[in-house]
């Protein structure tokens, strides 16, 4: 007898949705932003089959590029998502030498002339959302298959900040207080190892206008650029208004431990919780939301991972 997800006990759903995967090709493409006069290199992950596919745009951290989080992005694609990972100019690796040189002094130096640099980072994500026709032309297999009404944005570290801004979090940037970069096309955000208050213009009220769902994630060994501990990393959840907000905490996870480079229980927790979040809020699957809200999504990794909701 065939069993559907709807008839499974909720304790088994976290295993069921992880097992129903399909092959997902991965392609590197370059999109041309004529307005800004630059090329944006992107890694595109997508399932071989399926229509009305939700779109996830993922923003990498400082010093990384489109190849960051490839195992996690591939996992999402295998479960029915088109995932586009653009390289920002502050990255290196495969995109080294194709943008401005990295400044000495890390994040503090990067954030000098912060307004322009933040505009460029958010602009990369906005450009991707504006360029779906160009994306389809570069990847013909996506023709007619992207559901542009179901868009989520995620990011890691500085990319988490970028994703938060495009989702509606505000920041004091330059001479402008509580500046908003919100894009109404974005339905939910997934900031991994995001920043707390007192850095990059974030204040306790920065999250007050965040009305869309959010899942944020940190770990016991996850530290900020200024050495801040995980309690600081929890502030996006703490200061965001109640309503479809989630905090995943992973014991033993450090700042670079969320990207899936090392198979194991930490990666399992990241894959399970993030996929349930996307399924719940981009595919409107009520059972997946239930997995998040009661913590069942992390049942297989409960020895190290927990989730809070409000």
Protein backbone atom coordinates (compact mmCIF):
# COMPACT_ATOMS: atom_id res chain seq x y z
CA UNK A 1 0.00 0.00 0.00
CA UNK A 2 1.36 3.41 -0.93
CA UNK A 3 1.82 5.81 1.97
CA UNK A 4 1.61 9.58 1.54
CA UNK A 5 3.29 12.22 3.66
CA UNK A 6 -0.09 13.29 4.97
CA UNK A 7 -0.74 9.85 6.50
CA UNK A 8 2.64 9.42 8.19
CA UNK A 9 3.04 10.03 11.93
CA UNK A 10 4.66 13.41 12.43
CA UNK A 11 7.64 11.73 14.11
CA UNK A 12 8.50 10.10 10.77
CA UNK A 13 7.97 13.10 8.52
CA UNK A 14 11.46 14.44 9.00
CA UNK A 15 12.80 11.19 7.51
CA UNK A 16 10.24 11.10 4.71
CA UNK A 17 10.92 14.55 3.31
CA UNK A 18 14.69 13.98 3.36
CA UNK A 19 14.35 10.75 1.40
CA UNK A 20 12.19 12.07 -1.46
CA UNK A 21 15.00 13.58 -3.52
CA UNK A 22 15.66 13.78 -7.25
CA UNK A 23 18.78 14.39 -9.30
CA UNK A 24 19.90 18.01 -9.43
CA UNK A 25 22.27 19.34 -12.10
CA UNK A 26 24.64 22.16 -11.12
CA UNK A 27 25.74 24.81 -13.60
CA UNK A 28 27.96 27.90 -13.44
CA UNK A 29 26.66 30.81 -15.50
CA UNK A 30 27.43 34.50 -15.90
CA UNK A 31 24.59 37.03 -15.93
CA UNK A 32 25.18 40.48 -17.37
CA UNK A 33 23.97 43.48 -15.39
CA UNK A 34 23.90 46.19 -18.04
CA UNK A 35 22.59 48.80 -15.61
CA UNK A 36 25.59 48.46 -13.30
CA UNK A 37 28.00 47.48 -16.07
CA UNK A 38 29.20 44.23 -14.50
CA UNK A 39 29.01 40.49 -14.82
CA UNK A 40 27.58 38.43 -11.97
CA UNK A 41 28.88 34.88 -11.77
CA UNK A 42 26.31 32.46 -10.40
CA UNK A 43 26.14 28.80 -9.50
CA UNK A 44 22.71 27.41 -10.34
CA UNK A 45 21.31 24.21 -8.81
CA UNK A 46 18.03 22.79 -10.08
CA UNK A 47 16.09 19.53 -10.18
CA UNK A 48 15.91 17.64 -13.46
CA UNK A 49 12.14 17.28 -13.17
CA UNK A 50 9.21 19.25 -11.84
CA UNK A 51 7.36 22.47 -12.57
CA UNK A 52 6.35 25.53 -10.55
CA UNK A 53 9.66 25.32 -8.72
CA UNK A 54 10.25 27.83 -5.90
CA UNK A 55 13.38 29.97 -6.17
CA UNK A 56 16.04 30.39 -3.47
CA UNK A 57 18.78 33.01 -3.82
CA UNK A 58 21.72 32.44 -1.46
CA UNK A 59 24.28 35.09 -0.48
CA UNK A 60 27.74 33.93 0.61
CA UNK A 61 29.87 35.39 3.38
CA UNK A 62 32.82 37.79 3.27
CA UNK A 63 35.69 36.28 1.32
CA UNK A 64 33.68 33.38 -0.12
CA UNK A 65 31.99 33.02 -3.50
CA UNK A 66 29.21 31.18 -5.31
CA UNK A 67 30.77 27.80 -4.47
CA UNK A 68 30.17 28.25 -0.74
CA UNK A 69 27.39 26.07 0.71
CA UNK A 70 27.30 23.94 -2.44
CA UNK A 71 26.38 20.73 -0.53
CA UNK A 72 23.47 22.50 1.19
CA UNK A 73 22.28 24.24 -1.99
CA UNK A 74 22.48 20.93 -3.83
CA UNK A 75 20.37 19.30 -1.11
CA UNK A 76 17.66 21.95 -1.54
CA UNK A 77 17.71 21.50 -5.32
CA UNK A 78 17.38 17.75 -4.97
CA UNK A 79 14.14 18.40 -3.08
CA UNK A 80 12.50 20.64 -5.64
CA UNK A 81 14.09 24.10 -5.57
CA UNK A 82 15.97 26.27 -8.03
CA UNK A 83 18.90 27.68 -6.07
CA UNK A 84 20.97 30.59 -7.42
CA UNK A 85 24.20 31.50 -5.62
CA UNK A 86 25.79 34.70 -6.97
CA UNK A 87 29.40 35.68 -6.33
CA UNK A 88 29.69 39.09 -4.66
CA UNK A 89 32.67 41.35 -5.50
CA UNK A 90 34.05 41.04 -1.95
CA UNK A 91 34.62 37.31 -2.49
CA UNK A 92 37.65 35.43 -3.66
CA UNK A 93 38.28 31.85 -4.81
CA UNK A 94 36.95 31.40 -8.33
CA UNK A 95 35.89 35.05 -8.49
CA UNK A 96 39.24 36.41 -7.23
CA UNK A 97 40.49 39.31 -9.30
CA UNK A 98 37.12 39.99 -10.90
CA UNK A 99 36.04 42.59 -8.34
CA UNK A 100 37.69 45.21 -6.16
CA UNK A 101 40.65 43.90 -4.12
CA UNK A 102 39.86 42.72 -0.60
CA UNK A 103 40.65 45.42 1.97
CA UNK A 104 43.03 44.85 4.84
CA UNK A 105 41.33 44.84 8.21
CA UNK A 106 38.52 42.37 7.55
CA UNK A 107 34.88 43.32 8.09
CA UNK A 108 35.66 46.73 9.58
CA UNK A 109 37.58 47.75 6.48
CA UNK A 110 35.01 46.17 4.20
CA UNK A 111 32.26 48.24 5.77
CA UNK A 112 34.05 51.55 5.14
CA UNK A 113 31.92 53.39 2.61
CA UNK A 114 29.32 50.93 3.82
CA UNK A 115 26.34 52.42 2.03
CA UNK A 116 27.79 51.78 -1.42
CA UNK A 117 29.08 48.32 -0.54
CA UNK A 118 25.80 47.25 1.01
CA UNK A 119 23.87 48.64 -1.97
CA UNK A 120 26.08 46.54 -4.25
CA UNK A 121 25.57 43.37 -2.22
CA UNK A 122 21.81 43.76 -2.03
CA UNK A 123 21.90 44.87 -5.63
CA UNK A 124 23.39 41.53 -6.66
CA UNK A 125 20.39 39.72 -5.16
CA UNK A 126 17.89 42.16 -6.62
CA UNK A 127 19.56 41.79 -9.99
CA UNK A 128 19.13 38.02 -9.89
CA UNK A 129 15.43 38.44 -9.10
CA UNK A 130 15.11 40.94 -11.95
CA UNK A 131 16.90 38.66 -14.41
CA UNK A 132 14.94 35.43 -14.45
CA UNK A 133 14.47 35.68 -18.22
CA UNK A 134 18.24 35.92 -18.66
CA UNK A 135 18.70 33.02 -16.26
CA UNK A 136 16.29 30.86 -18.26
CA UNK A 137 18.18 31.73 -21.46
CA UNK A 138 21.45 30.64 -19.85
CA UNK A 139 19.88 27.49 -18.40
CA UNK A 140 17.24 26.38 -20.94
CA UNK A 141 16.22 23.48 -18.71
CA UNK A 142 14.54 26.06 -16.44
CA UNK A 143 12.27 27.46 -19.14
CA UNK A 144 8.72 27.69 -17.81
CA UNK A 145 9.58 25.94 -14.55
CA UNK A 146 10.34 28.72 -12.02
CA UNK A 147 7.50 29.97 -9.84
CA UNK A 148 8.47 33.61 -9.30
CA UNK A 149 5.74 34.03 -6.68
CA UNK A 150 7.65 31.70 -4.33
CA UNK A 151 11.00 33.30 -3.55
CA UNK A 152 13.18 32.83 -0.50
CA UNK A 153 16.55 34.40 0.27
CA UNK A 154 19.23 32.90 2.48
CA UNK A 155 22.78 33.74 3.36
CA UNK A 156 25.74 33.02 5.61
CA UNK A 157 27.60 35.57 7.78
CA UNK A 158 27.82 38.78 5.72
CA UNK A 159 25.42 37.03 3.38
CA UNK A 160 23.04 36.56 6.30
CA UNK A 161 23.15 40.33 6.79
CA UNK A 162 22.46 40.82 3.08
CA UNK A 163 19.55 38.38 3.14
CA UNK A 164 18.14 40.04 6.26
CA UNK A 165 18.21 43.49 4.65
CA UNK A 166 16.41 42.36 1.51
CA UNK A 167 13.86 40.66 3.76
CA UNK A 168 13.00 43.84 5.65
CA UNK A 169 15.55 44.25 8.45
CA UNK A 170 16.68 47.88 8.67
CA UNK A 171 20.08 49.35 9.55
CA UNK A 172 21.66 52.72 10.30
CA UNK A 173 23.87 53.22 7.26
CA UNK A 174 25.84 56.38 6.69
CA UNK A 175 23.68 59.35 7.58
CA UNK A 176 20.42 57.45 7.19
CA UNK A 177 18.82 55.72 10.16
CA UNK A 178 16.69 52.59 9.83
CA UNK A 179 17.36 52.30 6.12
CA UNK A 180 15.28 49.65 4.39
CA UNK A 181 16.24 47.52 1.39
CA UNK A 182 13.12 45.36 1.56
CA UNK A 183 12.08 43.55 -1.61
CA UNK A 184 8.40 42.61 -1.54
CA UNK A 185 9.02 39.61 -3.79
CA UNK A 186 10.80 37.77 -0.97
CA UNK A 187 8.48 35.53 1.07
CA UNK A 188 10.90 34.32 3.76
CA UNK A 189 14.56 34.56 4.78
CA UNK A 190 17.17 32.15 6.15
CA UNK A 191 20.11 34.04 7.76
CA UNK A 192 22.80 31.60 8.97
CA UNK A 193 25.29 32.96 11.52
CA UNK A 194 23.76 36.43 11.33
CA UNK A 195 24.89 39.54 13.17
CA UNK A 196 23.47 41.04 16.35
CA UNK A 197 23.27 44.65 17.48
CA UNK A 198 26.11 47.16 17.50
CA UNK A 199 27.64 46.10 14.20
CA UNK A 200 26.90 47.12 10.62
CA UNK A 201 24.24 49.59 11.74
CA UNK A 202 22.03 47.05 13.50
CA UNK A 203 20.04 48.18 16.54
CA UNK A 204 17.42 46.52 18.75
CA UNK A 205 14.71 47.99 16.53
CA UNK A 206 16.27 46.78 13.25
CA UNK A 207 14.09 43.65 13.21
CA UNK A 208 10.85 45.37 14.21
CA UNK A 209 9.68 45.62 10.58
CA UNK A 210 10.51 42.00 9.77
CA UNK A 211 7.03 40.68 9.05
CA UNK A 212 7.96 37.68 6.90
CA UNK A 213 9.01 34.26 8.23
CA UNK A 214 12.63 33.81 9.30
CA UNK A 215 14.77 30.89 10.38
CA UNK A 216 18.13 31.91 11.81
CA UNK A 217 20.90 29.57 12.91
CA UNK A 218 23.98 29.64 15.11
CA UNK A 219 26.13 27.30 17.16
CA UNK A 220 28.03 27.11 20.43
CA UNK A 221 31.38 27.86 18.73
CA UNK A 222 30.01 30.46 16.32
CA UNK A 223 31.62 33.87 16.84
CA UNK A 224 31.19 37.30 15.27
CA UNK A 225 33.88 39.35 13.56
CA UNK A 226 34.48 41.19 16.83
CA UNK A 227 34.72 37.99 18.85
CA UNK A 228 31.09 38.10 19.99
CA UNK A 229 29.67 34.81 21.20
CA UNK A 230 26.59 32.86 20.19
CA UNK A 231 24.28 34.88 22.48
CA UNK A 232 24.98 37.84 20.19
CA UNK A 233 24.23 35.64 17.20
CA UNK A 234 20.83 34.85 18.73
CA UNK A 235 19.75 38.51 18.75
CA UNK A 236 18.04 38.46 15.32
CA UNK A 237 15.58 35.94 16.78
CA UNK A 238 15.39 37.74 20.13
CA UNK A 239 14.52 41.13 18.65
CA UNK A 240 12.29 40.02 15.78
CA UNK A 241 8.52 40.19 16.25
CA UNK A 242 6.67 36.98 17.01
CA UNK A 243 5.11 35.06 14.16
CA UNK A 244 6.85 32.34 12.11
CA UNK A 245 10.30 33.02 13.56
CA UNK A 246 12.72 30.19 14.34
CA UNK A 247 16.16 29.82 15.92
CA UNK A 248 18.20 26.67 15.36
CA UNK A 249 21.10 26.18 17.79
CA UNK A 250 23.73 23.51 17.11
CA UNK A 251 26.16 22.46 19.82
CA UNK A 252 29.71 22.27 18.47
CA UNK A 253 29.03 24.23 15.28
CA UNK A 254 31.53 26.99 14.52
CA UNK A 255 31.28 29.87 12.06
CA UNK A 256 32.25 27.80 9.02
CA UNK A 257 30.57 24.58 10.11
CA UNK A 258 27.13 25.13 8.56
CA UNK A 259 28.00 24.74 4.86
CA UNK A 260 27.92 20.98 4.57
CA UNK A 261 31.60 20.51 3.72
CA UNK A 262 31.88 17.76 6.33
CA UNK A 263 29.16 15.10 6.36
CA UNK A 264 27.92 14.37 9.85
CA UNK A 265 25.38 15.28 12.46
CA UNK A 266 25.89 19.07 12.16
CA UNK A 267 25.29 18.94 8.41
CA UNK A 268 22.29 16.66 8.99
CA UNK A 269 20.77 19.26 11.34
CA UNK A 270 21.35 22.06 8.85
CA UNK A 271 19.82 20.10 5.99
CA UNK A 272 16.78 18.93 7.94
CA UNK A 273 15.83 22.27 9.51
CA UNK A 274 16.45 24.45 6.45
CA UNK A 275 14.60 22.13 4.09
CA UNK A 276 11.61 22.01 6.43
CA UNK A 277 11.62 25.82 6.57
CA UNK A 278 11.65 26.21 2.79
CA UNK A 279 9.01 23.49 2.41
CA UNK A 280 6.80 25.15 4.99
CA UNK A 281 7.00 28.69 3.67
CA UNK A 282 7.75 28.36 -0.04
CA UNK A 283 5.66 25.25 -0.69
CA UNK A 284 3.05 26.00 1.99
CA UNK A 285 3.33 22.51 3.47
CA UNK A 286 1.59 22.58 6.83
CA UNK A 287 3.18 19.35 7.99
CA UNK A 288 6.64 20.84 7.53
CA UNK A 289 5.69 23.86 9.62
CA UNK A 290 4.53 21.45 12.31
CA UNK A 291 7.93 19.76 12.25
CA UNK A 292 9.55 23.11 12.94
CA UNK A 293 7.14 24.28 15.59
CA UNK A 294 7.31 21.14 17.75
CA UNK A 295 11.01 20.44 17.15
CA UNK A 296 10.42 17.07 15.48
CA UNK A 297 12.47 18.22 12.49
CA UNK A 298 15.58 17.82 14.64
CA UNK A 299 14.59 14.52 16.26
CA UNK A 300 17.44 12.66 14.54
CA UNK A 301 20.00 15.24 15.71
CA UNK A 302 18.53 16.18 19.11
CA UNK A 303 21.80 15.28 20.85
CA UNK A 304 23.34 18.47 19.45
CA UNK A 305 20.58 20.55 17.87
CA UNK A 306 17.50 22.36 19.16
CA UNK A 307 14.98 24.82 17.79
CA UNK A 308 13.05 27.70 19.33
CA UNK A 309 9.98 29.27 17.78
CA UNK A 310 7.76 32.27 18.36
